[in-house]
Amino acid sequence: MVQQSVKIALVRGLAARPAAEFVKMASSFESRVRIGRNGQWVDAKSILGVMSMALSQGDEIIVQADGADEDVALASLVKFLSAPGL
């Protein structure tokens, strides 16, 4: 299992469209992927879970991946969250 803390740089945070893109990316990996903040953890492959976190630009979260492609999954998702696009 690998994990990394990341500050969300996305201008709109993880609103509907960015959240859908994030979930789509997370779902493309075999590894189990979760995001957490303040002791609350959700499945990163669940749009409802991700949106329930109500994450905004500047929020800091932990991305956690566990599985065969965990390193690639973690690096890709952290890169997505760190980019100011969307």
Protein backbone atom coordinates (compact mmCIF):
# COMPACT_ATOMS: atom_id res chain seq x y z
CA MET A 1 0.00 0.00 0.00
CA VAL A 2 1.20 3.49 -0.86
CA GLN A 3 -0.25 6.85 0.05
CA GLN A 4 0.49 10.52 -0.40
CA SER A 5 -0.89 13.77 0.87
CA VAL A 6 -1.90 16.24 -1.84
CA LYS A 7 -3.37 19.73 -1.90
CA ILE A 8 -6.18 20.04 -4.46
CA ALA A 9 -5.20 22.60 -7.10
CA LEU A 10 -8.28 22.16 -9.31
CA VAL A 11 -10.01 25.52 -9.64
CA ARG A 12 -13.45 24.01 -8.97
CA GLY A 13 -12.18 21.40 -6.53
CA LEU A 14 -13.86 18.06 -7.02
CA ALA A 15 -17.20 19.40 -8.25
CA ALA A 16 -19.29 17.22 -10.58
CA ARG A 17 -17.18 17.27 -13.75
CA PRO A 18 -13.73 17.03 -12.13
CA ALA A 19 -15.04 14.39 -9.72
CA ALA A 20 -16.33 12.32 -12.65
CA GLU A 21 -12.93 12.57 -14.37
CA PHE A 22 -11.15 11.61 -11.14
CA VAL A 23 -13.42 8.59 -10.58
CA LYS A 24 -12.99 7.51 -14.20
CA MET A 25 -9.22 7.67 -13.81
CA ALA A 26 -9.27 5.83 -10.47
CA SER A 27 -11.51 3.13 -11.97
CA SER A 28 -8.99 2.49 -14.74
CA PHE A 29 -6.58 0.97 -12.20
CA GLU A 30 -6.73 -2.52 -10.76
CA SER A 31 -5.64 -1.29 -7.33
CA ARG A 32 -8.04 -0.37 -4.56
CA VAL A 33 -7.96 3.43 -4.34
CA ARG A 34 -9.28 5.56 -1.49
CA ILE A 35 -9.17 9.22 -0.55
CA GLY A 36 -9.35 10.52 2.97
CA ARG A 37 -9.57 13.66 5.02
CA ASN A 38 -10.14 14.22 8.74
CA GLY A 39 -10.53 10.50 9.40
CA GLN A 40 -13.20 10.04 6.70
CA TRP A 41 -12.30 7.63 3.88
CA VAL A 42 -14.20 6.96 0.66
CA ASP A 43 -13.72 4.71 -2.34
CA ALA A 44 -12.14 6.83 -5.10
CA LYS A 45 -14.00 4.72 -7.68
CA SER A 46 -17.38 5.88 -6.33
CA ILE A 47 -18.74 9.16 -7.69
CA LEU A 48 -21.11 9.49 -4.74
CA GLY A 49 -18.31 8.85 -2.28
CA VAL A 50 -15.98 11.37 -3.88
CA MET A 51 -18.66 14.06 -4.17
CA SER A 52 -19.76 13.46 -0.56
CA MET A 53 -16.35 14.73 0.57
CA ALA A 54 -17.22 18.22 -0.84
CA LEU A 55 -13.59 18.94 -1.66
CA SER A 56 -12.59 22.45 -2.74
CA GLN A 57 -9.46 24.01 -4.15
CA GLY A 58 -6.83 24.18 -1.41
CA ASP A 59 -8.16 21.24 0.61
CA GLU A 60 -5.53 18.70 1.58
CA ILE A 61 -6.37 15.01 1.27
CA ILE A 62 -4.61 11.66 1.37
CA VAL A 63 -4.71 9.45 -1.70
CA GLN A 64 -4.12 5.78 -0.94
CA ALA A 65 -3.64 2.91 -3.41
CA ASP A 66 -3.22 -0.80 -2.73
CA GLY A 67 -2.66 -3.40 -5.44
CA ALA A 68 -0.62 -4.49 -8.43
CA ASP A 69 -0.48 -1.05 -10.07
CA GLU A 70 -0.51 1.04 -6.89
CA ASP A 71 2.52 3.18 -7.73
CA VAL A 72 1.20 4.19 -11.15
CA ALA A 73 -2.30 4.76 -9.75
CA LEU A 74 -1.03 7.00 -6.94
CA ALA A 75 1.24 9.03 -9.22
CA SER A 76 -1.50 9.56 -11.82
CA LEU A 77 -4.18 10.58 -9.35
CA VAL A 78 -1.90 12.93 -7.43
CA LYS A 79 -0.84 14.55 -10.71
CA PHE A 80 -4.52 15.02 -11.67
CA LEU A 81 -5.38 16.66 -8.34
CA SER A 82 -2.26 18.86 -8.43
CA ALA A 83 -3.05 20.41 -11.82
CA PRO A 84 -5.12 23.63 -11.77
CA GLY A 85 -7.14 22.64 -14.88
CA LEU A 86 -10.83 21.74 -15.10
